[in-house]
Amino acid sequence: MQIKSPELWWKIHLTSSLFILENIQIQLISLSGK
């Protein structure tokens, strides 16, 4: 699979990174809430 637009790749990469960070934050909050 070739990605022609680096801008699109960046957006996907950034979105997935933010998603992962959000997941980590949620896990930390739920851990400290116990």
PDB file of N, CA and C in Angstrom:
ATOM      1  N   MET A   1       0.845  -1.200   0.000  1.00  0.00           N
ATOM      2  CA  MET A   1       0.000   0.000   0.000  1.00  0.00           C
ATOM      3  C   MET A   1       0.881   1.251   0.000  1.00  0.00           C
ATOM      4  N   GLN A   2       0.665   2.098  -0.973  1.00  0.00           N
ATOM      5  CA  GLN A   2       1.456   3.326  -1.060  1.00  0.00           C
ATOM      6  C   GLN A   2       0.623   4.516  -0.588  1.00  0.00           C
ATOM      7  N   ILE A   3       1.237   5.344   0.219  1.00  0.00           N
ATOM      8  CA  ILE A   3       0.570   6.573   0.662  1.00  0.00           C
ATOM      9  C   ILE A   3       1.171   7.725  -0.124  1.00  0.00           C
ATOM     10  N   LYS A   4       0.355   8.317  -0.967  1.00  0.00           N
ATOM     11  CA  LYS A   4       0.861   9.381  -1.844  1.00  0.00           C
ATOM     12  C   LYS A   4       0.972  10.710  -1.107  1.00  0.00           C
ATOM     13  N   SER A   5       0.073  10.917  -0.158  1.00  0.00           N
ATOM     14  CA  SER A   5       0.055  12.204   0.535  1.00  0.00           C
ATOM     15  C   SER A   5       0.664  12.084   1.929  1.00  0.00           C
ATOM     16  N   PRO A   6       1.849  12.675   2.136  1.00  0.00           N
ATOM     17  CA  PRO A   6       2.465  12.638   3.467  1.00  0.00           C
ATOM     18  C   PRO A   6       1.630  13.374   4.505  1.00  0.00           C
ATOM     19  N   GLU A   7       0.868  14.367   4.041  1.00  0.00           N
ATOM     20  CA  GLU A   7       0.023  15.136   4.955  1.00  0.00           C
ATOM     21  C   GLU A   7      -1.044  14.225   5.568  1.00  0.00           C
ATOM     22  N   LEU A   8      -1.618  13.376   4.714  1.00  0.00           N
ATOM     23  CA  LEU A   8      -2.646  12.447   5.192  1.00  0.00           C
ATOM     24  C   LEU A   8      -2.035  11.469   6.190  1.00  0.00           C
ATOM     25  N   TRP A   9      -0.832  10.984   5.864  1.00  0.00           N
ATOM     26  CA  TRP A   9      -0.144  10.050   6.749  1.00  0.00           C
ATOM     27  C   TRP A   9       0.092  10.699   8.105  1.00  0.00           C
ATOM     28  N   TRP A  10       0.490  11.965   8.075  1.00  0.00           N
ATOM     29  CA  TRP A  10       0.743  12.713   9.307  1.00  0.00           C
ATOM     30  C   TRP A  10      -0.504  12.789  10.164  1.00  0.00           C
ATOM     31  N   LYS A  11      -1.632  13.102   9.497  1.00  0.00           N
ATOM     32  CA  LYS A  11      -2.895  13.226  10.239  1.00  0.00           C
ATOM     33  C   LYS A  11      -3.274  11.897  10.877  1.00  0.00           C
ATOM     34  N   ILE A  12      -3.103  10.812  10.138  1.00  0.00           N
ATOM     35  CA  ILE A  12      -3.425   9.486  10.671  1.00  0.00           C
ATOM     36  C   ILE A  12      -2.505   9.169  11.846  1.00  0.00           C
ATOM     37  N   HIS A  13      -1.226   9.440  11.671  1.00  0.00           N
ATOM     38  CA  HIS A  13      -0.231   9.159  12.706  1.00  0.00           C
ATOM     39  C   HIS A  13      -0.525   9.974  13.967  1.00  0.00           C
ATOM     40  N   LEU A  14      -0.829  11.252  13.782  1.00  0.00           N
ATOM     41  CA  LEU A  14      -1.106  12.144  14.900  1.00  0.00           C
ATOM     42  C   LEU A  14      -2.366  11.703  15.632  1.00  0.00           C
ATOM     43  N   THR A  15      -3.389  11.346  14.857  1.00  0.00           N
ATOM     44  CA  THR A  15      -4.656  10.919  15.448  1.00  0.00           C
ATOM     45  C   THR A  15      -4.475   9.660  16.283  1.00  0.00           C
ATOM     46  N   SER A  16      -3.729   8.693  15.742  1.00  0.00           N
ATOM     47  CA  SER A  16      -3.527   7.440  16.472  1.00  0.00           C
ATOM     48  C   SER A  16      -2.670   7.669  17.713  1.00  0.00           C
ATOM     49  N   SER A  17      -1.708   8.588  17.620  1.00  0.00           N
ATOM     50  CA  SER A  17      -0.865   8.903  18.777  1.00  0.00           C
ATOM     51  C   SER A  17      -1.698   9.529  19.887  1.00  0.00           C
ATOM     52  N   LEU A  18      -2.582  10.462  19.504  1.00  0.00           N
ATOM     53  CA  LEU A  18      -3.448  11.110  20.483  1.00  0.00           C
ATOM     54  C   LEU A  18      -4.390  10.093  21.111  1.00  0.00           C
ATOM     55  N   PHE A  19      -4.881   9.165  20.285  1.00  0.00           N
ATOM     56  CA  PHE A  19      -5.791   8.127  20.768  1.00  0.00           C
ATOM     57  C   PHE A  19      -5.101   7.262  21.820  1.00  0.00           C
ATOM     58  N   ILE A  20      -3.848   6.904  21.550  1.00  0.00           N
ATOM     59  CA  ILE A  20      -3.075   6.079  22.486  1.00  0.00           C
ATOM     60  C   ILE A  20      -2.829   6.846  23.787  1.00  0.00           C
ATOM     61  N   LEU A  21      -2.469   8.117  23.661  1.00  0.00           N
ATOM     62  CA  LEU A  21      -2.221   8.937  24.849  1.00  0.00           C
ATOM     63  C   LEU A  21      -3.480   9.058  25.692  1.00  0.00           C
ATOM     64  N   GLU A  22      -4.627   9.212  25.020  1.00  0.00           N
ATOM     65  CA  GLU A  22      -5.894   9.338  25.721  1.00  0.00           C
ATOM     66  C   GLU A  22      -6.199   8.050  26.482  1.00  0.00           C
ATOM     67  N   ASN A  23      -5.935   6.916  25.838  1.00  0.00           N
ATOM     68  CA  ASN A  23      -6.174   5.619  26.480  1.00  0.00           C
ATOM     69  C   ASN A  23      -5.332   5.474  27.735  1.00  0.00           C
ATOM     70  N   ILE A  24      -4.066   5.895  27.649  1.00  0.00           N
ATOM     71  CA  ILE A  24      -3.161   5.806  28.796  1.00  0.00           C
ATOM     72  C   ILE A  24      -3.678   6.688  29.935  1.00  0.00           C
ATOM     73  N   GLN A  25      -4.127   7.888  29.583  1.00  0.00           N
ATOM     74  CA  GLN A  25      -4.655   8.811  30.584  1.00  0.00           C
ATOM     75  C   GLN A  25      -5.862   8.216  31.292  1.00  0.00           C
ATOM     76  N   ILE A  26      -6.772   7.622  30.509  1.00  0.00           N
ATOM     77  CA  ILE A  26      -7.981   7.020  31.074  1.00  0.00           C
ATOM     78  C   ILE A  26      -7.604   5.887  32.025  1.00  0.00           C
ATOM     79  N   GLN A  27      -6.616   5.087  31.635  1.00  0.00           N
ATOM     80  CA  GLN A  27      -6.173   3.973  32.476  1.00  0.00           C
ATOM     81  C   GLN A  27      -5.576   4.490  33.783  1.00  0.00           C
ATOM     82  N   LEU A  28      -4.778   5.551  33.688  1.00  0.00           N
ATOM     83  CA  LEU A  28      -4.159   6.120  34.888  1.00  0.00           C
ATOM     84  C   LEU A  28      -5.221   6.668  35.830  1.00  0.00           C
ATOM     85  N   ILE A  29      -6.221   7.342  35.269  1.00  0.00           N
ATOM     86  CA  ILE A  29      -7.300   7.922  36.079  1.00  0.00           C
ATOM     87  C   ILE A  29      -8.080   6.816  36.786  1.00  0.00           C
ATOM     88  N   SER A  30      -8.393   5.748  36.050  1.00  0.00           N
ATOM     89  CA  SER A  30      -9.175   4.663  36.647  1.00  0.00           C
ATOM     90  C   SER A  30      -8.348   3.910  37.692  1.00  0.00           C
ATOM     91  N   LEU A  31      -7.023   3.858  37.495  1.00  0.00           N
ATOM     92  CA  LEU A  31      -6.159   3.188  38.470  1.00  0.00           C
ATOM     93  C   LEU A  31      -6.082   3.994  39.762  1.00  0.00           C
ATOM     94  N   SER A  32      -5.939   5.297  39.633  1.00  0.00           N
ATOM     95  CA  SER A  32      -5.827   6.151  40.815  1.00  0.00           C
ATOM     96  C   SER A  32      -7.184   6.308  41.498  1.00  0.00           C
ATOM     97  N   GLY A  33      -8.245   6.038  40.762  1.00  0.00           N
ATOM     98  CA  GLY A  33      -9.589   6.161  41.320  1.00  0.00           C
ATOM     99  C   GLY A  33      -9.967   4.975  42.190  1.00  0.00           C
ATOM    100  N   LYS A  34      -9.217   3.872  42.052  1.00  0.00           N
ATOM    101  CA  LYS A  34      -9.537   2.671  42.831  1.00  0.00           C
ATOM    102  C   LYS A  34      -9.048   2.791  44.269  1.00  0.00           C
TER     103      LYS A  34
END
